Amino acid sequence: MSDCLFCKIVKKEIPSNIVFETDDVLAFRDINPKAPVHILVIPKLHIGSFAEIKQEHSALLMKMIKMIQDIAKKEGIDQSGFRIVANNGPDAGQAVAHLHFHVIGGRPLKWPPG
């Protein structure tokens, strides 16, 4: 999807603060962080939402999970704890129609989240 904000970030058409990148997955700092650590992990392949994940995306999802684990270690939140959030659809707060996981930590987080 050429007009997708995250696809433009993947193509480096829009700058971002990249923290991890592989051939298939990109992680960058959220521009409006909700905690000291707030990183978005996205597949480079355009998948519109969590609801659009298919069986053939299994290996890609495992790469995303591995990146989230690596981010938690690098950011020093792997032991203290962190939250992984995937909003699905407008009622859930999904602002960009491209699958992404928020990795949030670095402070105590409340439940429910607001």
PDB file of N, CA and C in Angstrom:
ATOM      1  N   MET A   1       0.853  -1.174   0.000  1.00  0.00           N
ATOM      2  CA  MET A   1       0.000   0.000   0.000  1.00  0.00           C
ATOM      3  C   MET A   1       0.899   1.236   0.000  1.00  0.00           C
ATOM      4  N   SER A   2       0.898   1.963  -1.086  1.00  0.00           N
ATOM      5  CA  SER A   2       1.858   3.041  -1.274  1.00  0.00           C
ATOM      6  C   SER A   2       1.627   4.240  -0.352  1.00  0.00           C
ATOM      7  N   ASP A   3       0.385   4.474   0.079  1.00  0.00           N
ATOM      8  CA  ASP A   3       0.137   5.638   0.916  1.00  0.00           C
ATOM      9  C   ASP A   3       0.148   5.312   2.406  1.00  0.00           C
ATOM     10  N   CYS A   4       0.474   4.087   2.767  1.00  0.00           N
ATOM     11  CA  CYS A   4       0.546   3.681   4.167  1.00  0.00           C
ATOM     12  C   CYS A   4       1.753   4.353   4.839  1.00  0.00           C
ATOM     13  N   LEU A   5       1.502   5.012   5.962  1.00  0.00           N
ATOM     14  CA  LEU A   5       2.560   5.700   6.698  1.00  0.00           C
ATOM     15  C   LEU A   5       3.725   4.766   7.022  1.00  0.00           C
ATOM     16  N   PHE A   6       3.418   3.567   7.538  1.00  0.00           N
ATOM     17  CA  PHE A   6       4.496   2.653   7.926  1.00  0.00           C
ATOM     18  C   PHE A   6       5.227   2.083   6.708  1.00  0.00           C
ATOM     19  N   CYS A   7       4.523   1.887   5.590  1.00  0.00           N
ATOM     20  CA  CYS A   7       5.206   1.451   4.373  1.00  0.00           C
ATOM     21  C   CYS A   7       6.189   2.517   3.905  1.00  0.00           C
ATOM     22  N   LYS A   8       5.826   3.791   4.076  1.00  0.00           N
ATOM     23  CA  LYS A   8       6.735   4.884   3.723  1.00  0.00           C
ATOM     24  C   LYS A   8       7.947   4.904   4.649  1.00  0.00           C
ATOM     25  N   ILE A   9       7.753   4.568   5.909  1.00  0.00           N
ATOM     26  CA  ILE A   9       8.881   4.474   6.843  1.00  0.00           C
ATOM     27  C   ILE A   9       9.790   3.318   6.434  1.00  0.00           C
ATOM     28  N   VAL A  10       9.200   2.186   6.069  1.00  0.00           N
ATOM     29  CA  VAL A  10       9.985   1.027   5.605  1.00  0.00           C
ATOM     30  C   VAL A  10      10.834   1.415   4.395  1.00  0.00           C
ATOM     31  N   LYS A  11      10.249   2.177   3.478  1.00  0.00           N
ATOM     32  CA  LYS A  11      10.953   2.596   2.254  1.00  0.00           C
ATOM     33  C   LYS A  11      11.908   3.759   2.492  1.00  0.00           C
ATOM     34  N   LYS A  12      11.961   4.250   3.745  1.00  0.00           N
ATOM     35  CA  LYS A  12      12.817   5.378   4.130  1.00  0.00           C
ATOM     36  C   LYS A  12      12.382   6.674   3.459  1.00  0.00           C
ATOM     37  N   GLU A  13      11.115   6.760   3.081  1.00  0.00           N
ATOM     38  CA  GLU A  13      10.557   7.991   2.523  1.00  0.00           C
ATOM     39  C   GLU A  13      10.203   8.976   3.634  1.00  0.00           C
ATOM     40  N   ILE A  14       9.994   8.456   4.833  1.00  0.00           N
ATOM     41  CA  ILE A  14       9.709   9.253   6.014  1.00  0.00           C
ATOM     42  C   ILE A  14      10.746   8.875   7.063  1.00  0.00           C
ATOM     43  N   PRO A  15      11.402   9.845   7.682  1.00  0.00           N
ATOM     44  CA  PRO A  15      12.417   9.504   8.688  1.00  0.00           C
ATOM     45  C   PRO A  15      11.793   8.909   9.950  1.00  0.00           C
ATOM     46  N   SER A  16      12.555   8.055  10.597  1.00  0.00           N
ATOM     47  CA  SER A  16      12.145   7.478  11.876  1.00  0.00           C
ATOM     48  C   SER A  16      13.406   7.162  12.676  1.00  0.00           C
ATOM     49  N   ASN A  17      13.216   6.984  13.970  1.00  0.00           N
ATOM     50  CA  ASN A  17      14.330   6.646  14.857  1.00  0.00           C
ATOM     51  C   ASN A  17      14.388   5.121  14.970  1.00  0.00           C
ATOM     52  N   ILE A  18      15.072   4.495  14.036  1.00  0.00           N
ATOM     53  CA  ILE A  18      15.138   3.033  13.937  1.00  0.00           C
ATOM     54  C   ILE A  18      16.054   2.489  15.026  1.00  0.00           C
ATOM     55  N   VAL A  19      15.578   1.446  15.716  1.00  0.00           N
ATOM     56  CA  VAL A  19      16.387   0.806  16.756  1.00  0.00           C
ATOM     57  C   VAL A  19      16.820  -0.604  16.360  1.00  0.00           C
ATOM     58  N   PHE A  20      16.056  -1.270  15.514  1.00  0.00           N
ATOM     59  CA  PHE A  20      16.400  -2.589  15.003  1.00  0.00           C
ATOM     60  C   PHE A  20      15.853  -2.706  13.594  1.00  0.00           C
ATOM     61  N   GLU A  21      16.582  -3.442  12.746  1.00  0.00           N
ATOM     62  CA  GLU A  21      16.083  -3.694  11.404  1.00  0.00           C
ATOM     63  C   GLU A  21      16.673  -4.986  10.879  1.00  0.00           C
ATOM     64  N   THR A  22      15.811  -5.801  10.268  1.00  0.00           N
ATOM     65  CA  THR A  22      16.245  -6.994   9.552  1.00  0.00           C
ATOM     66  C   THR A  22      15.652  -6.904   8.143  1.00  0.00           C
ATOM     67  N   ASP A  23      15.838  -7.937   7.361  1.00  0.00           N
ATOM     68  CA  ASP A  23      15.267  -7.944   6.015  1.00  0.00           C
ATOM     69  C   ASP A  23      13.739  -7.898   6.044  1.00  0.00           C
ATOM     70  N   ASP A  24      13.127  -8.405   7.124  1.00  0.00           N
ATOM     71  CA  ASP A  24      11.676  -8.562   7.178  1.00  0.00           C
ATOM     72  C   ASP A  24      10.952  -7.695   8.195  1.00  0.00           C
ATOM     73  N   VAL A  25      11.685  -7.178   9.183  1.00  0.00           N
ATOM     74  CA  VAL A  25      11.054  -6.501  10.320  1.00  0.00           C
ATOM     75  C   VAL A  25      11.797  -5.196  10.620  1.00  0.00           C
ATOM     76  N   LEU A  26      11.026  -4.190  11.041  1.00  0.00           N
ATOM     77  CA  LEU A  26      11.593  -2.890  11.383  1.00  0.00           C
ATOM     78  C   LEU A  26      11.050  -2.466  12.748  1.00  0.00           C
ATOM     79  N   ALA A  27      11.907  -1.891  13.578  1.00  0.00           N
ATOM     80  CA  ALA A  27      11.493  -1.370  14.883  1.00  0.00           C
ATOM     81  C   ALA A  27      11.996   0.056  15.017  1.00  0.00           C
ATOM     82  N   PHE A  28      11.102   0.936  15.457  1.00  0.00           N
ATOM     83  CA  PHE A  28      11.472   2.335  15.609  1.00  0.00           C
ATOM     84  C   PHE A  28      10.725   2.937  16.794  1.00  0.00           C
ATOM     85  N   ARG A  29      11.274   4.012  17.332  1.00  0.00           N
ATOM     86  CA  ARG A  29      10.682   4.666  18.492  1.00  0.00           C
ATOM     87  C   ARG A  29       9.391   5.388  18.105  1.00  0.00           C
ATOM     88  N   ASP A  30       8.390   5.263  18.962  1.00  0.00           N
ATOM     89  CA  ASP A  30       7.119   5.941  18.752  1.00  0.00           C
ATOM     90  C   ASP A  30       7.334   7.454  18.869  1.00  0.00           C
ATOM     91  N   ILE A  31       6.720   8.219  17.988  1.00  0.00           N
ATOM     92  CA  ILE A  31       6.903   9.682  18.028  1.00  0.00           C
ATOM     93  C   ILE A  31       6.115  10.334  19.164  1.00  0.00           C
ATOM     94  N   ASN A  32       5.201   9.588  19.776  1.00  0.00           N
ATOM     95  CA  ASN A  32       4.422  10.096  20.904  1.00  0.00           C
ATOM     96  C   ASN A  32       4.474   9.054  22.025  1.00  0.00           C
ATOM     97  N   PRO A  33       5.654   8.882  22.643  1.00  0.00           N
ATOM     98  CA  PRO A  33       5.826   7.778  23.599  1.00  0.00           C
ATOM     99  C   PRO A  33       4.949   7.900  24.840  1.00  0.00           C
ATOM    100  N   LYS A  34       4.461   6.743  25.296  1.00  0.00           N
ATOM    101  CA  LYS A  34       3.629   6.658  26.498  1.00  0.00           C
ATOM    102  C   LYS A  34       4.429   6.176  27.710  1.00  0.00           C
ATOM    103  N   ALA A  35       5.708   5.907  27.517  1.00  0.00           N
ATOM    104  CA  ALA A  35       6.603   5.436  28.578  1.00  0.00           C
ATOM    105  C   ALA A  35       8.035   5.704  28.118  1.00  0.00           C
ATOM    106  N   PRO A  36       9.009   5.587  29.028  1.00  0.00           N
ATOM    107  CA  PRO A  36      10.401   5.798  28.620  1.00  0.00           C
ATOM    108  C   PRO A  36      10.834   4.918  27.441  1.00  0.00           C
ATOM    109  N   VAL A  37      10.311   3.703  27.384  1.00  0.00           N
ATOM    110  CA  VAL A  37      10.547   2.832  26.233  1.00  0.00           C
ATOM    111  C   VAL A  37       9.201   2.652  25.538  1.00  0.00           C
ATOM    112  N   HIS A  38       9.123   3.085  24.289  1.00  0.00           N
ATOM    113  CA  HIS A  38       7.916   2.896  23.486  1.00  0.00           C
ATOM    114  C   HIS A  38       8.370   2.740  22.043  1.00  0.00           C
ATOM    115  N   ILE A  39       8.447   1.489  21.626  1.00  0.00           N
ATOM    116  CA  ILE A  39       8.994   1.145  20.315  1.00  0.00           C
ATOM    117  C   ILE A  39       7.931   0.388  19.527  1.00  0.00           C
ATOM    118  N   LEU A  40       7.805   0.718  18.252  1.00  0.00           N
ATOM    119  CA  LEU A  40       6.891   0.018  17.361  1.00  0.00           C
ATOM    120  C   LEU A  40       7.660  -1.013  16.560  1.00  0.00           C
ATOM    121  N   VAL A  41       7.118  -2.215  16.481  1.00  0.00           N
ATOM    122  CA  VAL A  41       7.713  -3.296  15.700  1.00  0.00           C
ATOM    123  C   VAL A  41       6.729  -3.630  14.586  1.00  0.00           C
ATOM    124  N   ILE A  42       7.194  -3.518  13.338  1.00  0.00           N
ATOM    125  CA  ILE A  42       6.317  -3.725  12.187  1.00  0.00           C
ATOM    126  C   ILE A  42       6.935  -4.715  11.206  1.00  0.00           C
ATOM    127  N   PRO A  43       6.092  -5.453  10.498  1.00  0.00           N
ATOM    128  CA  PRO A  43       6.623  -6.240   9.385  1.00  0.00           C
ATOM    129  C   PRO A  43       6.856  -5.302   8.208  1.00  0.00           C
ATOM    130  N   LYS A  44       7.873  -5.568   7.420  1.00  0.00           N
ATOM    131  CA  LYS A  44       8.086  -4.756   6.226  1.00  0.00           C
ATOM    132  C   LYS A  44       7.021  -5.069   5.175  1.00  0.00           C
ATOM    133  N   LEU A  45       6.493  -6.260   5.203  1.00  0.00           N
ATOM    134  CA  LEU A  45       5.374  -6.643   4.354  1.00  0.00           C
ATOM    135  C   LEU A  45       4.121  -5.953   4.878  1.00  0.00           C
ATOM    136  N   HIS A  46       3.349  -5.352   4.002  1.00  0.00           N
ATOM    137  CA  HIS A  46       2.124  -4.685   4.454  1.00  0.00           C
ATOM    138  C   HIS A  46       1.066  -5.732   4.819  1.00  0.00           C
ATOM    139  N   ILE A  47       0.716  -5.754   6.094  1.00  0.00           N
ATOM    140  CA  ILE A  47      -0.416  -6.520   6.610  1.00  0.00           C
ATOM    141  C   ILE A  47      -1.250  -5.471   7.332  1.00  0.00           C
ATOM    142  N   GLY A  48      -2.501  -5.321   6.959  1.00  0.00           N
ATOM    143  CA  GLY A  48      -3.311  -4.212   7.439  1.00  0.00           C
ATOM    144  C   GLY A  48      -3.583  -4.191   8.925  1.00  0.00           C
ATOM    145  N   SER A  49      -3.735  -5.361   9.536  1.00  0.00           N
ATOM    146  CA  SER A  49      -4.066  -5.419  10.956  1.00  0.00           C
ATOM    147  C   SER A  49      -3.825  -6.825  11.482  1.00  0.00           C
ATOM    148  N   PHE A  50      -3.983  -6.968  12.778  1.00  0.00           N
ATOM    149  CA  PHE A  50      -3.857  -8.275  13.420  1.00  0.00           C
ATOM    150  C   PHE A  50      -4.868  -9.251  12.819  1.00  0.00           C
ATOM    151  N   ALA A  51      -6.050  -8.764  12.492  1.00  0.00           N
ATOM    152  CA  ALA A  51      -7.109  -9.613  11.934  1.00  0.00           C
ATOM    153  C   ALA A  51      -6.762 -10.148  10.546  1.00  0.00           C
ATOM    154  N   GLU A  52      -5.785  -9.550   9.877  1.00  0.00           N
ATOM    155  CA  GLU A  52      -5.409  -9.969   8.525  1.00  0.00           C
ATOM    156  C   GLU A  52      -4.232 -10.947   8.499  1.00  0.00           C
ATOM    157  N   ILE A  53      -3.745 -11.341   9.663  1.00  0.00           N
ATOM    158  CA  ILE A  53      -2.639 -12.306   9.713  1.00  0.00           C
ATOM    159  C   ILE A  53      -3.133 -13.655   9.194  1.00  0.00           C
ATOM    160  N   LYS A  54      -2.309 -14.275   8.359  1.00  0.00           N
ATOM    161  CA  LYS A  54      -2.636 -15.583   7.784  1.00  0.00           C
ATOM    162  C   LYS A  54      -1.563 -16.600   8.174  1.00  0.00           C
ATOM    163  N   GLN A  55      -1.871 -17.857   7.946  1.00  0.00           N
ATOM    164  CA  GLN A  55      -0.939 -18.947   8.266  1.00  0.00           C
ATOM    165  C   GLN A  55       0.426 -18.708   7.635  1.00  0.00           C
ATOM    166  N   GLU A  56       0.450 -18.186   6.418  1.00  0.00           N
ATOM    167  CA  GLU A  56       1.739 -17.983   5.736  1.00  0.00           C
ATOM    168  C   GLU A  56       2.593 -16.890   6.371  1.00  0.00           C
ATOM    169  N   HIS A  57       2.037 -16.154   7.324  1.00  0.00           N
ATOM    170  CA  HIS A  57       2.793 -15.133   8.036  1.00  0.00           C
ATOM    171  C   HIS A  57       3.466 -15.672   9.304  1.00  0.00           C
ATOM    172  N   SER A  58       3.344 -16.961   9.561  1.00  0.00           N
ATOM    173  CA  SER A  58       3.869 -17.542  10.810  1.00  0.00           C
ATOM    174  C   SER A  58       5.349 -17.252  11.037  1.00  0.00           C
ATOM    175  N   ALA A  59       6.168 -17.483  10.031  1.00  0.00           N
ATOM    176  CA  ALA A  59       7.616 -17.254  10.190  1.00  0.00           C
ATOM    177  C   ALA A  59       7.904 -15.771  10.433  1.00  0.00           C
ATOM    178  N   LEU A  60       7.178 -14.905   9.748  1.00  0.00           N
ATOM    179  CA  LEU A  60       7.346 -13.470   9.928  1.00  0.00           C
ATOM    180  C   LEU A  60       6.984 -13.060  11.354  1.00  0.00           C
ATOM    181  N   LEU A  61       5.902 -13.603  11.887  1.00  0.00           N
ATOM    182  CA  LEU A  61       5.508 -13.286  13.261  1.00  0.00           C
ATOM    183  C   LEU A  61       6.557 -13.757  14.257  1.00  0.00           C
ATOM    184  N   MET A  62       7.153 -14.895  14.020  1.00  0.00           N
ATOM    185  CA  MET A  62       8.216 -15.367  14.915  1.00  0.00           C
ATOM    186  C   MET A  62       9.420 -14.424  14.864  1.00  0.00           C
ATOM    187  N   LYS A  63       9.718 -13.873  13.704  1.00  0.00           N
ATOM    188  CA  LYS A  63      10.808 -12.895  13.590  1.00  0.00           C
ATOM    189  C   LYS A  63      10.464 -11.631  14.379  1.00  0.00           C
ATOM    190  N   MET A  64       9.198 -11.231  14.355  1.00  0.00           N
ATOM    191  CA  MET A  64       8.771 -10.063  15.117  1.00  0.00           C
ATOM    192  C   MET A  64       8.890 -10.335  16.616  1.00  0.00           C
ATOM    193  N   ILE A  65       8.482 -11.525  17.047  1.00  0.00           N
ATOM    194  CA  ILE A  65       8.589 -11.894  18.455  1.00  0.00           C
ATOM    195  C   ILE A  65      10.046 -11.888  18.900  1.00  0.00           C
ATOM    196  N   LYS A  66      10.931 -12.428  18.090  1.00  0.00           N
ATOM    197  CA  LYS A  66      12.354 -12.445  18.415  1.00  0.00           C
ATOM    198  C   LYS A  66      12.886 -11.012  18.537  1.00  0.00           C
ATOM    199  N   MET A  67      12.450 -10.136  17.635  1.00  0.00           N
ATOM    200  CA  MET A  67      12.895  -8.753  17.706  1.00  0.00           C
ATOM    201  C   MET A  67      12.392  -8.084  18.983  1.00  0.00           C
ATOM    202  N   ILE A  68      11.155  -8.361  19.373  1.00  0.00           N
ATOM    203  CA  ILE A  68      10.621  -7.803  20.611  1.00  0.00           C
ATOM    204  C   ILE A  68      11.462  -8.266  21.800  1.00  0.00           C
ATOM    205  N   GLN A  69      11.834  -9.529  21.828  1.00  0.00           N
ATOM    206  CA  GLN A  69      12.696 -10.039  22.903  1.00  0.00           C
ATOM    207  C   GLN A  69      14.042  -9.321  22.909  1.00  0.00           C
ATOM    208  N   ASP A  70      14.624  -9.118  21.732  1.00  0.00           N
ATOM    209  CA  ASP A  70      15.915  -8.429  21.627  1.00  0.00           C
ATOM    210  C   ASP A  70      15.805  -6.971  22.072  1.00  0.00           C
ATOM    211  N   ILE A  71      14.719  -6.323  21.704  1.00  0.00           N
ATOM    212  CA  ILE A  71      14.488  -4.935  22.120  1.00  0.00           C
ATOM    213  C   ILE A  71      14.402  -4.850  23.639  1.00  0.00           C
ATOM    214  N   ALA A  72      13.632  -5.751  24.246  1.00  0.00           N
ATOM    215  CA  ALA A  72      13.473  -5.741  25.705  1.00  0.00           C
ATOM    216  C   ALA A  72      14.834  -5.868  26.396  1.00  0.00           C
ATOM    217  N   LYS A  73      15.685  -6.740  25.886  1.00  0.00           N
ATOM    218  CA  LYS A  73      17.029  -6.896  26.469  1.00  0.00           C
ATOM    219  C   LYS A  73      17.861  -5.643  26.256  1.00  0.00           C
ATOM    220  N   LYS A  74      17.881  -5.143  25.028  1.00  0.00           N
ATOM    221  CA  LYS A  74      18.699  -3.963  24.707  1.00  0.00           C
ATOM    222  C   LYS A  74      18.257  -2.741  25.512  1.00  0.00           C
ATOM    223  N   GLU A  75      16.963  -2.588  25.709  1.00  0.00           N
ATOM    224  CA  GLU A  75      16.421  -1.429  26.426  1.00  0.00           C
ATOM    225  C   GLU A  75      16.432  -1.623  27.944  1.00  0.00           C
ATOM    226  N   GLY A  76      16.826  -2.818  28.407  1.00  0.00           N
ATOM    227  CA  GLY A  76      16.925  -3.071  29.843  1.00  0.00           C
ATOM    228  C   GLY A  76      15.596  -3.259  30.549  1.00  0.00           C
ATOM    229  N   ILE A  77      14.582  -3.714  29.810  1.00  0.00           N
ATOM    230  CA  ILE A  77      13.263  -3.927  30.424  1.00  0.00           C
ATOM    231  C   ILE A  77      12.863  -5.399  30.441  1.00  0.00           C
ATOM    232  N   ASP A  78      13.774  -6.266  30.036  1.00  0.00           N
ATOM    233  CA  ASP A  78      13.445  -7.691  29.961  1.00  0.00           C
ATOM    234  C   ASP A  78      13.188  -8.304  31.332  1.00  0.00           C
ATOM    235  N   GLN A  79      13.804  -7.784  32.368  1.00  0.00           N
ATOM    236  CA  GLN A  79      13.609  -8.322  33.707  1.00  0.00           C
ATOM    237  C   GLN A  79      12.542  -7.565  34.492  1.00  0.00           C
ATOM    238  N   SER A  80      12.468  -6.253  34.315  1.00  0.00           N
ATOM    239  CA  SER A  80      11.501  -5.453  35.075  1.00  0.00           C
ATOM    240  C   SER A  80      10.085  -5.594  34.533  1.00  0.00           C
ATOM    241  N   GLY A  81       9.963  -5.878  33.254  1.00  0.00           N
ATOM    242  CA  GLY A  81       8.663  -6.077  32.642  1.00  0.00           C
ATOM    243  C   GLY A  81       8.354  -5.067  31.567  1.00  0.00           C
ATOM    244  N   PHE A  82       7.513  -5.472  30.645  1.00  0.00           N
ATOM    245  CA  PHE A  82       7.111  -4.618  29.539  1.00  0.00           C
ATOM    246  C   PHE A  82       5.775  -5.107  29.000  1.00  0.00           C
ATOM    247  N   ARG A  83       5.131  -4.248  28.244  1.00  0.00           N
ATOM    248  CA  ARG A  83       3.833  -4.569  27.662  1.00  0.00           C
ATOM    249  C   ARG A  83       3.980  -4.623  26.145  1.00  0.00           C
ATOM    250  N   ILE A  84       3.273  -5.578  25.541  1.00  0.00           N
ATOM    251  CA  ILE A  84       3.202  -5.689  24.081  1.00  0.00           C
ATOM    252  C   ILE A  84       1.742  -5.460  23.715  1.00  0.00           C
ATOM    253  N   VAL A  85       1.497  -4.460  22.869  1.00  0.00           N
ATOM    254  CA  VAL A  85       0.124  -4.096  22.507  1.00  0.00           C
ATOM    255  C   VAL A  85      -0.028  -4.138  20.992  1.00  0.00           C
ATOM    256  N   ALA A  86      -1.119  -4.750  20.537  1.00  0.00           N
ATOM    257  CA  ALA A  86      -1.492  -4.713  19.123  1.00  0.00           C
ATOM    258  C   ALA A  86      -2.948  -4.271  19.055  1.00  0.00           C
ATOM    259  N   ASN A  87      -3.169  -3.033  18.672  1.00  0.00           N
ATOM    260  CA  ASN A  87      -4.527  -2.536  18.504  1.00  0.00           C
ATOM    261  C   ASN A  87      -5.062  -3.031  17.166  1.00  0.00           C
ATOM    262  N   ASN A  88      -6.327  -3.444  17.147  1.00  0.00           N
ATOM    263  CA  ASN A  88      -6.927  -3.972  15.922  1.00  0.00           C
ATOM    264  C   ASN A  88      -8.218  -3.223  15.610  1.00  0.00           C
ATOM    265  N   GLY A  89      -8.139  -2.338  14.644  1.00  0.00           N
ATOM    266  CA  GLY A  89      -9.316  -1.591  14.224  1.00  0.00           C
ATOM    267  C   GLY A  89      -9.477  -0.277  14.951  1.00  0.00           C
ATOM    268  N   PRO A  90     -10.322   0.598  14.409  1.00  0.00           N
ATOM    269  CA  PRO A  90     -10.475   1.946  14.962  1.00  0.00           C
ATOM    270  C   PRO A  90     -11.000   1.976  16.399  1.00  0.00           C
ATOM    271  N   ASP A  91     -11.923   1.100  16.751  1.00  0.00           N
ATOM    272  CA  ASP A  91     -12.450   1.117  18.120  1.00  0.00           C
ATOM    273  C   ASP A  91     -11.387   0.743  19.151  1.00  0.00           C
ATOM    274  N   ALA A  92     -10.371   0.024  18.723  1.00  0.00           N
ATOM    275  CA  ALA A  92      -9.279  -0.358  19.624  1.00  0.00           C
ATOM    276  C   ALA A  92      -8.167   0.686  19.641  1.00  0.00           C
ATOM    277  N   GLY A  93      -8.257   1.673  18.761  1.00  0.00           N
ATOM    278  CA  GLY A  93      -7.246   2.720  18.721  1.00  0.00           C
ATOM    279  C   GLY A  93      -6.178   2.523  17.672  1.00  0.00           C
ATOM    280  N   GLN A  94      -6.408   1.617  16.709  1.00  0.00           N
ATOM    281  CA  GLN A  94      -5.415   1.432  15.651  1.00  0.00           C
ATOM    282  C   GLN A  94      -5.437   2.651  14.746  1.00  0.00           C
ATOM    283  N   ALA A  95      -4.374   3.442  14.787  1.00  0.00           N
ATOM    284  CA  ALA A  95      -4.309   4.698  14.036  1.00  0.00           C
ATOM    285  C   ALA A  95      -3.680   4.518  12.657  1.00  0.00           C
ATOM    286  N   VAL A  96      -2.852   3.500  12.491  1.00  0.00           N
ATOM    287  CA  VAL A  96      -2.207   3.228  11.208  1.00  0.00           C
ATOM    288  C   VAL A  96      -2.601   1.816  10.783  1.00  0.00           C
ATOM    289  N   ALA A  97      -3.156   1.694   9.584  1.00  0.00           N
ATOM    290  CA  ALA A  97      -3.623   0.405   9.082  1.00  0.00           C
ATOM    291  C   ALA A  97      -2.465  -0.421   8.530  1.00  0.00           C
ATOM    292  N   HIS A  98      -1.571  -0.777   9.424  1.00  0.00           N
ATOM    293  CA  HIS A  98      -0.417  -1.641   9.118  1.00  0.00           C
ATOM    294  C   HIS A  98      -0.120  -2.344  10.433  1.00  0.00           C
ATOM    295  N   LEU A  99      -0.079  -3.660  10.424  1.00  0.00           N
ATOM    296  CA  LEU A  99       0.169  -4.428  11.641  1.00  0.00           C
ATOM    297  C   LEU A  99       1.378  -3.869  12.382  1.00  0.00           C
ATOM    298  N   HIS A 100       1.217  -3.644  13.672  1.00  0.00           N
ATOM    299  CA  HIS A 100       2.354  -3.205  14.480  1.00  0.00           C
ATOM    300  C   HIS A 100       2.119  -3.561  15.940  1.00  0.00           C
ATOM    301  N   PHE A 101       3.212  -3.830  16.601  1.00  0.00           N
ATOM    302  CA  PHE A 101       3.203  -4.105  18.029  1.00  0.00           C
ATOM    303  C   PHE A 101       3.904  -2.955  18.741  1.00  0.00           C
ATOM    304  N   HIS A 102       3.274  -2.447  19.783  1.00  0.00           N
ATOM    305  CA  HIS A 102       3.896  -1.460  20.657  1.00  0.00           C
ATOM    306  C   HIS A 102       4.641  -2.238  21.741  1.00  0.00           C
ATOM    307  N   VAL A 103       5.893  -1.912  21.969  1.00  0.00           N
ATOM    308  CA  VAL A 103       6.666  -2.457  23.088  1.00  0.00           C
ATOM    309  C   VAL A 103       6.838  -1.290  24.050  1.00  0.00           C
ATOM    310  N   ILE A 104       6.210  -1.425  25.225  1.00  0.00           N
ATOM    311  CA  ILE A 104       6.142  -0.305  26.163  1.00  0.00           C
ATOM    312  C   ILE A 104       6.687  -0.736  27.514  1.00  0.00           C
ATOM    313  N   GLY A 105       7.584   0.060  28.084  1.00  0.00           N
ATOM    314  CA  GLY A 105       8.139  -0.269  29.390  1.00  0.00           C
ATOM    315  C   GLY A 105       9.021   0.851  29.910  1.00  0.00           C
ATOM    316  N   GLY A 106       9.763   0.539  30.951  1.00  0.00           N
ATOM    317  CA  GLY A 106      10.656   1.520  31.550  1.00  0.00           C
ATOM    318  C   GLY A 106      10.047   2.246  32.732  1.00  0.00           C
ATOM    319  N   ARG A 107       8.825   1.894  33.076  1.00  0.00           N
ATOM    320  CA  ARG A 107       8.146   2.448  34.254  1.00  0.00           C
ATOM    321  C   ARG A 107       7.008   1.487  34.603  1.00  0.00           C
ATOM    322  N   PRO A 108       6.494   1.553  35.834  1.00  0.00           N
ATOM    323  CA  PRO A 108       5.324   0.726  36.168  1.00  0.00           C
ATOM    324  C   PRO A 108       4.132   1.119  35.307  1.00  0.00           C
ATOM    325  N   LEU A 109       3.449   0.135  34.754  1.00  0.00           N
ATOM    326  CA  LEU A 109       2.301   0.366  33.885  1.00  0.00           C
ATOM    327  C   LEU A 109       1.022  -0.035  34.624  1.00  0.00           C
ATOM    328  N   LYS A 110      -0.019   0.734  34.446  1.00  0.00           N
ATOM    329  CA  LYS A 110      -1.295   0.468  35.125  1.00  0.00           C
ATOM    330  C   LYS A 110      -2.194  -0.386  34.256  1.00  0.00           C
ATOM    331  N   TRP A 111      -3.135  -1.072  34.895  1.00  0.00           N
ATOM    332  CA  TRP A 111      -4.156  -1.826  34.181  1.00  0.00           C
ATOM    333  C   TRP A 111      -5.498  -1.521  34.787  1.00  0.00           C
ATOM    334  N   PRO A 112      -6.523  -1.259  34.023  1.00  0.00           N
ATOM    335  CA  PRO A 112      -6.474  -1.186  32.565  1.00  0.00           C
ATOM    336  C   PRO A 112      -5.796   0.088  32.100  1.00  0.00           C
ATOM    337  N   PRO A 113      -5.297   0.049  30.857  1.00  0.00           N
ATOM    338  CA  PRO A 113      -4.533   1.185  30.372  1.00  0.00           C
ATOM    339  C   PRO A 113      -5.379   2.379  29.959  1.00  0.00           C
ATOM    340  N   GLY A 114      -6.160   2.968  30.546  1.00  0.00           N
ATOM    341  CA  GLY A 114      -6.778   4.218  30.197  1.00  0.00           C
ATOM    342  C   GLY A 114      -7.869   4.197  29.207  1.00  0.00           C
TER     343      GLY A 114
END
